[in-house]
Amino acid sequence: MKRIAVNLMFIDVGPLTGPGYYAVELFEWMIKLSKDHIIAGFIQASAAHHFSPAAQIHLVSQPDCPGRFRRVVFEQIFLPSATRRYR
């Protein structure tokens, strides 16, 4: 069984934008269609409300990273170790 990690850190607490809406829908469909894979979405803790309850059990909450610079630094430095911890 393969594991798939999805970086959803760009989704903010506010209203969804076009790319955010697409990412949420794509993640929801990945979960529905995947039977042979373990899927985990890494997301800012405050943005989990954009997902259905069925998808929320596949989310791995990370600290909120306000601002683009902080988010990019988090994604480049801390997110790789978080995915390794999650296996």
N, C-alpha and C. Protein backbone atom coordinates (compact mmCIF):
# COMPACT_ATOMS: atom_id res chain seq x y z
N MET A 1 0.84 -1.18 0.00
CA MET A 1 0.00 0.00 0.00
C MET A 1 0.89 1.24 0.00
N LYS A 2 0.69 2.10 -0.95
CA LYS A 2 1.49 3.32 -1.07
C LYS A 2 0.87 4.44 -0.25
N ARG A 3 1.75 5.35 0.16
CA ARG A 3 1.32 6.54 0.91
C ARG A 3 1.53 7.76 0.04
N ILE A 4 0.53 8.64 0.02
CA ILE A 4 0.60 9.86 -0.77
C ILE A 4 0.40 11.04 0.16
N ALA A 5 1.33 11.98 0.13
CA ALA A 5 1.22 13.21 0.92
C ALA A 5 0.91 14.36 -0.02
N VAL A 6 -0.05 15.19 0.38
CA VAL A 6 -0.47 16.33 -0.43
C VAL A 6 -0.23 17.60 0.36
N ASN A 7 0.49 18.54 -0.23
CA ASN A 7 0.77 19.82 0.42
C ASN A 7 -0.41 20.75 0.16
N LEU A 8 -1.20 21.00 1.19
CA LEU A 8 -2.34 21.90 1.10
C LEU A 8 -2.13 23.14 1.97
N MET A 9 -0.87 23.45 2.26
CA MET A 9 -0.55 24.54 3.17
C MET A 9 -0.95 25.91 2.61
N PHE A 10 -1.12 26.04 1.31
CA PHE A 10 -1.46 27.34 0.73
C PHE A 10 -2.92 27.73 0.97
N ILE A 11 -3.74 26.81 1.44
CA ILE A 11 -5.15 27.11 1.71
C ILE A 11 -5.24 27.85 3.04
N ASP A 12 -5.83 29.04 3.00
CA ASP A 12 -5.94 29.88 4.19
C ASP A 12 -7.30 29.73 4.84
N VAL A 13 -7.45 30.40 5.98
CA VAL A 13 -8.69 30.34 6.73
C VAL A 13 -9.83 31.07 6.00
N GLY A 14 -9.50 32.04 5.18
CA GLY A 14 -10.51 32.85 4.49
C GLY A 14 -11.22 32.09 3.39
N PRO A 15 -12.02 32.81 2.61
CA PRO A 15 -12.75 32.18 1.51
C PRO A 15 -11.79 31.53 0.51
N LEU A 16 -12.23 30.46 -0.09
CA LEU A 16 -11.40 29.75 -1.06
C LEU A 16 -11.25 30.56 -2.34
N THR A 17 -10.05 30.53 -2.88
CA THR A 17 -9.79 31.12 -4.19
C THR A 17 -9.93 30.01 -5.22
N GLY A 18 -9.71 30.32 -6.49
CA GLY A 18 -9.80 29.29 -7.53
C GLY A 18 -8.88 28.10 -7.28
N PRO A 19 -7.56 28.33 -7.07
CA PRO A 19 -6.67 27.21 -6.80
C PRO A 19 -7.02 26.46 -5.51
N GLY A 20 -7.46 27.19 -4.49
CA GLY A 20 -7.84 26.55 -3.23
C GLY A 20 -9.05 25.66 -3.40
N TYR A 21 -10.05 26.17 -4.11
CA TYR A 21 -11.25 25.38 -4.37
C TYR A 21 -10.90 24.12 -5.16
N TYR A 22 -10.05 24.27 -6.17
CA TYR A 22 -9.63 23.13 -6.98
C TYR A 22 -8.90 22.10 -6.12
N ALA A 23 -8.00 22.56 -5.25
CA ALA A 23 -7.23 21.65 -4.39
C ALA A 23 -8.13 20.89 -3.42
N VAL A 24 -9.11 21.58 -2.85
CA VAL A 24 -10.05 20.92 -1.94
C VAL A 24 -10.83 19.84 -2.67
N GLU A 25 -11.38 20.19 -3.83
CA GLU A 25 -12.16 19.22 -4.60
C GLU A 25 -11.29 18.04 -5.06
N LEU A 26 -10.08 18.32 -5.52
CA LEU A 26 -9.19 17.27 -5.96
C LEU A 26 -8.84 16.32 -4.81
N PHE A 27 -8.56 16.88 -3.64
CA PHE A 27 -8.24 16.06 -2.47
C PHE A 27 -9.44 15.19 -2.08
N GLU A 28 -10.63 15.77 -2.10
CA GLU A 28 -11.85 15.01 -1.78
C GLU A 28 -12.02 13.83 -2.75
N TRP A 29 -11.79 14.07 -4.03
CA TRP A 29 -11.93 12.99 -5.02
C TRP A 29 -10.83 11.95 -4.89
N MET A 30 -9.62 12.38 -4.56
CA MET A 30 -8.54 11.42 -4.36
C MET A 30 -8.90 10.43 -3.26
N ILE A 31 -9.49 10.94 -2.19
CA ILE A 31 -9.88 10.07 -1.07
C ILE A 31 -10.98 9.11 -1.49
N LYS A 32 -11.96 9.62 -2.22
CA LYS A 32 -13.07 8.77 -2.64
C LYS A 32 -12.63 7.67 -3.60
N LEU A 33 -11.72 7.97 -4.49
CA LEU A 33 -11.33 7.02 -5.53
C LEU A 33 -10.20 6.09 -5.13
N SER A 34 -9.47 6.44 -4.08
CA SER A 34 -8.32 5.64 -3.70
C SER A 34 -8.70 4.52 -2.75
N LYS A 35 -8.42 3.32 -3.16
CA LYS A 35 -8.67 2.17 -2.30
C LYS A 35 -7.36 1.49 -1.91
N ASP A 36 -6.31 1.72 -2.70
CA ASP A 36 -5.03 1.04 -2.47
C ASP A 36 -3.96 1.96 -1.92
N HIS A 37 -4.32 3.18 -1.54
CA HIS A 37 -3.34 4.14 -1.08
C HIS A 37 -3.79 4.81 0.22
N ILE A 38 -2.82 5.20 1.02
CA ILE A 38 -3.08 6.00 2.20
C ILE A 38 -2.77 7.44 1.81
N ILE A 39 -3.74 8.32 1.93
CA ILE A 39 -3.59 9.71 1.50
C ILE A 39 -3.66 10.61 2.72
N ALA A 40 -2.69 11.53 2.82
CA ALA A 40 -2.66 12.50 3.91
C ALA A 40 -2.46 13.89 3.32
N GLY A 41 -3.26 14.83 3.78
CA GLY A 41 -3.13 16.21 3.35
C GLY A 41 -2.58 17.05 4.49
N PHE A 42 -1.48 17.71 4.25
CA PHE A 42 -0.87 18.57 5.26
C PHE A 42 -1.41 19.97 5.07
N ILE A 43 -2.03 20.50 6.15
CA ILE A 43 -2.78 21.74 6.05
C ILE A 43 -2.59 22.59 7.29
N GLN A 44 -2.78 23.90 7.13
CA GLN A 44 -2.76 24.78 8.29
C GLN A 44 -3.98 24.46 9.15
N ALA A 45 -3.81 24.43 10.45
CA ALA A 45 -4.87 23.99 11.36
C ALA A 45 -6.16 24.79 11.19
N SER A 46 -6.06 26.08 10.93
CA SER A 46 -7.26 26.91 10.85
C SER A 46 -8.02 26.76 9.53
N ALA A 47 -7.48 26.05 8.56
CA ALA A 47 -8.12 25.92 7.25
C ALA A 47 -8.85 24.60 7.06
N ALA A 48 -8.88 23.76 8.07
CA ALA A 48 -9.50 22.44 7.93
C ALA A 48 -11.01 22.51 7.69
N HIS A 49 -11.63 23.63 8.05
CA HIS A 49 -13.09 23.75 7.89
C HIS A 49 -13.54 23.73 6.43
N HIS A 50 -12.63 23.90 5.50
CA HIS A 50 -12.98 23.87 4.08
C HIS A 50 -13.27 22.46 3.57
N PHE A 51 -12.93 21.45 4.36
CA PHE A 51 -13.05 20.06 3.92
C PHE A 51 -14.24 19.37 4.57
N SER A 52 -14.74 18.35 3.91
CA SER A 52 -15.86 17.58 4.45
C SER A 52 -15.38 16.77 5.66
N PRO A 53 -16.30 16.35 6.52
CA PRO A 53 -15.90 15.52 7.67
C PRO A 53 -15.19 14.24 7.25
N ALA A 54 -15.57 13.65 6.14
CA ALA A 54 -14.91 12.43 5.66
C ALA A 54 -13.46 12.71 5.27
N ALA A 55 -13.21 13.88 4.71
CA ALA A 55 -11.84 14.23 4.31
C ALA A 55 -11.01 14.69 5.49
N GLN A 56 -11.64 15.24 6.51
CA GLN A 56 -10.88 15.78 7.65
C GLN A 56 -10.10 14.71 8.40
N ILE A 57 -10.54 13.47 8.33
CA ILE A 57 -9.78 12.42 9.02
C ILE A 57 -8.47 12.12 8.29
N HIS A 58 -8.33 12.60 7.06
CA HIS A 58 -7.10 12.40 6.29
C HIS A 58 -6.17 13.60 6.37
N LEU A 59 -6.57 14.64 7.09
CA LEU A 59 -5.76 15.85 7.19
C LEU A 59 -4.79 15.75 8.36
N VAL A 60 -3.60 16.29 8.16
CA VAL A 60 -2.58 16.37 9.21
C VAL A 60 -2.36 17.85 9.46
N SER A 61 -2.87 18.34 10.59
CA SER A 61 -2.80 19.76 10.91
C SER A 61 -1.37 20.18 11.24
N GLN A 62 -1.00 21.30 10.67
CA GLN A 62 0.29 21.92 10.93
C GLN A 62 0.03 23.31 11.52
N PRO A 63 1.05 23.91 12.13
CA PRO A 63 0.83 25.26 12.69
C PRO A 63 0.44 26.25 11.59
N ASP A 64 -0.36 27.24 11.98
CA ASP A 64 -0.73 28.28 11.02
C ASP A 64 0.50 29.10 10.66
N CYS A 65 0.61 29.44 9.39
CA CYS A 65 1.75 30.21 8.87
C CYS A 65 1.20 31.45 8.17
N PRO A 66 0.93 32.51 8.93
CA PRO A 66 0.39 33.71 8.28
C PRO A 66 1.44 34.36 7.38
N GLY A 67 1.03 34.74 6.21
CA GLY A 67 1.94 35.39 5.26
C GLY A 67 2.65 34.39 4.38
N ARG A 68 2.88 34.79 3.16
CA ARG A 68 3.50 33.92 2.17
C ARG A 68 4.92 33.53 2.55
N PHE A 69 5.70 34.49 3.04
CA PHE A 69 7.10 34.20 3.38
C PHE A 69 7.19 33.12 4.44
N ARG A 70 6.43 33.25 5.51
CA ARG A 70 6.45 32.24 6.59
C ARG A 70 6.01 30.88 6.08
N ARG A 71 4.99 30.87 5.24
CA ARG A 71 4.50 29.60 4.71
C ARG A 71 5.55 28.91 3.85
N VAL A 72 6.21 29.66 3.00
CA VAL A 72 7.23 29.08 2.12
C VAL A 72 8.40 28.56 2.96
N VAL A 73 8.81 29.31 3.97
CA VAL A 73 9.89 28.85 4.85
C VAL A 73 9.46 27.56 5.54
N PHE A 74 8.23 27.51 6.04
CA PHE A 74 7.74 26.30 6.69
C PHE A 74 7.74 25.12 5.72
N GLU A 75 7.24 25.36 4.50
CA GLU A 75 7.18 24.28 3.51
C GLU A 75 8.56 23.76 3.14
N GLN A 76 9.55 24.63 3.08
CA GLN A 76 10.89 24.22 2.66
C GLN A 76 11.71 23.61 3.78
N ILE A 77 11.49 24.05 5.02
CA ILE A 77 12.34 23.59 6.12
C ILE A 77 11.64 22.56 7.02
N PHE A 78 10.42 22.84 7.42
CA PHE A 78 9.77 22.00 8.43
C PHE A 78 8.83 20.93 7.87
N LEU A 79 8.20 21.19 6.73
CA LEU A 79 7.25 20.23 6.17
C LEU A 79 7.90 18.90 5.78
N PRO A 80 9.11 18.89 5.22
CA PRO A 80 9.72 17.59 4.91
C PRO A 80 9.91 16.70 6.14
N SER A 81 10.31 17.29 7.26
CA SER A 81 10.46 16.47 8.48
C SER A 81 9.10 16.04 9.03
N ALA A 82 8.08 16.87 8.85
CA ALA A 82 6.73 16.48 9.29
C ALA A 82 6.22 15.30 8.48
N THR A 83 6.51 15.28 7.19
CA THR A 83 6.06 14.14 6.38
C THR A 83 6.83 12.87 6.75
N ARG A 84 8.10 13.02 7.08
CA ARG A 84 8.87 11.85 7.51
C ARG A 84 8.34 11.31 8.83
N ARG A 85 7.98 12.18 9.75
CA ARG A 85 7.42 11.74 11.03
C ARG A 85 6.10 11.01 10.82
N TYR A 86 5.31 11.50 9.87
CA TYR A 86 4.03 10.86 9.57
C TYR A 86 4.20 9.55 8.84
N ARG A 87 5.33 9.38 8.20
CA ARG A 87 5.73 8.20 7.41
C ARG A 87 4.89 8.12 6.16
